Amino acid sequence: MIPFGTGSFPSSGAAIVYFGAEVARLDSVQVDGDRFEFIDTEPQLIKYRAVLDRLEASALKPGASRDLIRRVAQSI
C-alpha cells in the first residue's frame, strides 16, 4: 500500500504485472493503461523493473499497511 501523502509515484494510473521467469530473458511485463502493452525486450524490462523497485520502496511494510487499512476502516 502506498499512502496518498507519499506524493506522486511512478506509473500511477496504469496496472503493471511483471512476470519473472527462471531465466531472466523470459521475463515479460503486461501494462494495462490507456492501451494494453505486452513487453519483453531487455531495455523495457529494465525500465519496468526499476519502476516496480521504486514503487516497492515507497510502499508501507505489511504491518503498517494493515494498520492504515484498519484506521481508515474505523473512521468510516
C-alpha atoms as a PDB file:
ATOM      1  CA  MET A   1       0.000   0.000   0.000  1.00  0.00           C
ATOM      2  CA  ILE A   2       1.277   3.445  -0.891  1.00  0.00           C
ATOM      3  CA  PRO A   3      -0.356   6.213   1.191  1.00  0.00           C
ATOM      4  CA  PHE A   4      -1.624   9.326  -0.574  1.00  0.00           C
ATOM      5  CA  GLY A   5       0.721  11.515   1.466  1.00  0.00           C
ATOM      6  CA  THR A   6       3.715   9.933  -0.256  1.00  0.00           C
ATOM      7  CA  GLY A   7       3.219  12.220  -3.223  1.00  0.00           C
ATOM      8  CA  SER A   8       3.499  11.161  -6.820  1.00  0.00           C
ATOM      9  CA  PHE A   9       4.959   7.831  -7.704  1.00  0.00           C
ATOM     10  CA  PRO A  10       5.892   6.150 -10.959  1.00  0.00           C
ATOM     11  CA  SER A  11       3.258   4.525 -13.114  1.00  0.00           C
ATOM     12  CA  SER A  12       0.228   5.822 -11.248  1.00  0.00           C
ATOM     13  CA  GLY A  13      -2.859   5.131 -13.298  1.00  0.00           C
ATOM     14  CA  ALA A  14      -1.606   2.002 -15.042  1.00  0.00           C
ATOM     15  CA  ALA A  15      -1.673  -1.573 -13.865  1.00  0.00           C
ATOM     16  CA  ILE A  16       1.675  -3.323 -14.253  1.00  0.00           C
ATOM     17  CA  VAL A  17       2.183  -7.051 -13.949  1.00  0.00           C
ATOM     18  CA  TYR A  18       5.794  -8.236 -14.038  1.00  0.00           C
ATOM     19  CA  PHE A  19       6.191 -11.893 -14.918  1.00  0.00           C
ATOM     20  CA  GLY A  20       9.566 -13.104 -13.663  1.00  0.00           C
ATOM     21  CA  ALA A  21      10.834 -16.376 -15.098  1.00  0.00           C
ATOM     22  CA  GLU A  22      13.576 -18.761 -14.005  1.00  0.00           C
ATOM     23  CA  VAL A  23      15.556 -17.442 -16.965  1.00  0.00           C
ATOM     24  CA  ALA A  24      15.617 -13.619 -16.960  1.00  0.00           C
ATOM     25  CA  ARG A  25      15.412 -13.461 -20.754  1.00  0.00           C
ATOM     26  CA  LEU A  26      11.924 -14.954 -20.481  1.00  0.00           C
ATOM     27  CA  ASP A  27      10.624 -12.191 -18.179  1.00  0.00           C
ATOM     28  CA  SER A  28       7.776 -10.106 -19.526  1.00  0.00           C
ATOM     29  CA  VAL A  29       5.594  -7.203 -18.440  1.00  0.00           C
ATOM     30  CA  GLN A  30       1.932  -6.527 -19.032  1.00  0.00           C
ATOM     31  CA  VAL A  31       0.941  -2.852 -18.860  1.00  0.00           C
ATOM     32  CA  ASP A  32      -2.742  -2.031 -18.833  1.00  0.00           C
ATOM     33  CA  GLY A  33      -3.416   1.687 -19.060  1.00  0.00           C
ATOM     34  CA  ASP A  34      -4.861   3.664 -21.953  1.00  0.00           C
ATOM     35  CA  ARG A  35      -3.913   0.712 -24.116  1.00  0.00           C
ATOM     36  CA  PHE A  36      -2.725  -2.809 -23.431  1.00  0.00           C
ATOM     37  CA  GLU A  37       1.007  -3.500 -23.882  1.00  0.00           C
ATOM     38  CA  PHE A  38       2.954  -6.719 -23.575  1.00  0.00           C
ATOM     39  CA  ILE A  39       6.669  -6.038 -23.136  1.00  0.00           C
ATOM     40  CA  ASP A  40       9.531  -8.452 -23.452  1.00  0.00           C
ATOM     41  CA  THR A  41      12.589  -6.543 -24.691  1.00  0.00           C
ATOM     42  CA  GLU A  42      15.517  -6.162 -22.308  1.00  0.00           C
ATOM     43  CA  PRO A  43      15.633  -2.320 -22.211  1.00  0.00           C
ATOM     44  CA  GLN A  44      11.895  -2.130 -21.492  1.00  0.00           C
ATOM     45  CA  LEU A  45      12.118  -4.859 -18.841  1.00  0.00           C
ATOM     46  CA  ILE A  46      14.912  -2.947 -17.113  1.00  0.00           C
ATOM     47  CA  LYS A  47      12.741   0.192 -17.145  1.00  0.00           C
ATOM     48  CA  TYR A  48       9.704  -1.521 -15.637  1.00  0.00           C
ATOM     49  CA  ARG A  49      11.748  -3.447 -13.064  1.00  0.00           C
ATOM     50  CA  ALA A  50      13.124  -0.057 -11.918  1.00  0.00           C
ATOM     51  CA  VAL A  51       9.582   1.363 -11.738  1.00  0.00           C
ATOM     52  CA  LEU A  52       8.435  -1.570  -9.613  1.00  0.00           C
ATOM     53  CA  ASP A  53      11.516  -1.256  -7.387  1.00  0.00           C
ATOM     54  CA  ARG A  54      10.676   2.440  -6.755  1.00  0.00           C
ATOM     55  CA  LEU A  55       7.058   1.540  -6.000  1.00  0.00           C
ATOM     56  CA  GLU A  56       8.168  -1.124  -3.554  1.00  0.00           C
ATOM     57  CA  ALA A  57      10.498   1.334  -1.848  1.00  0.00           C
ATOM     58  CA  SER A  58       7.587   3.806  -1.468  1.00  0.00           C
ATOM     59  CA  ALA A  59       5.154   1.214  -0.138  1.00  0.00           C
ATOM     60  CA  LEU A  60       4.403   0.646   3.512  1.00  0.00           C
ATOM     61  CA  LYS A  61       5.570  -2.578   5.120  1.00  0.00           C
ATOM     62  CA  PRO A  62       2.799  -5.209   5.542  1.00  0.00           C
ATOM     63  CA  GLY A  63       2.164  -4.401   9.230  1.00  0.00           C
ATOM     64  CA  ALA A  64       1.959  -0.666   8.548  1.00  0.00           C
ATOM     65  CA  SER A  65      -0.370  -1.327   5.608  1.00  0.00           C
ATOM     66  CA  ARG A  66      -2.722  -3.343   7.822  1.00  0.00           C
ATOM     67  CA  ASP A  67      -2.672  -0.602  10.475  1.00  0.00           C
ATOM     68  CA  LEU A  68      -3.512   2.068   7.918  1.00  0.00           C
ATOM     69  CA  ILE A  69      -6.358  -0.004   6.477  1.00  0.00           C
ATOM     70  CA  ARG A  70      -7.775  -0.580   9.981  1.00  0.00           C
ATOM     71  CA  ARG A  71      -7.576   3.141  10.844  1.00  0.00           C
ATOM     72  CA  VAL A  72      -9.331   4.117   7.610  1.00  0.00           C
ATOM     73  CA  ALA A  73     -11.991   1.421   8.038  1.00  0.00           C
ATOM     74  CA  GLN A  74     -12.667   2.509  11.625  1.00  0.00           C
ATOM     75  CA  SER A  75     -13.051   6.137  10.586  1.00  0.00           C
ATOM     76  CA  ILE A  76     -15.754   5.343   8.039  1.00  0.00           C
END
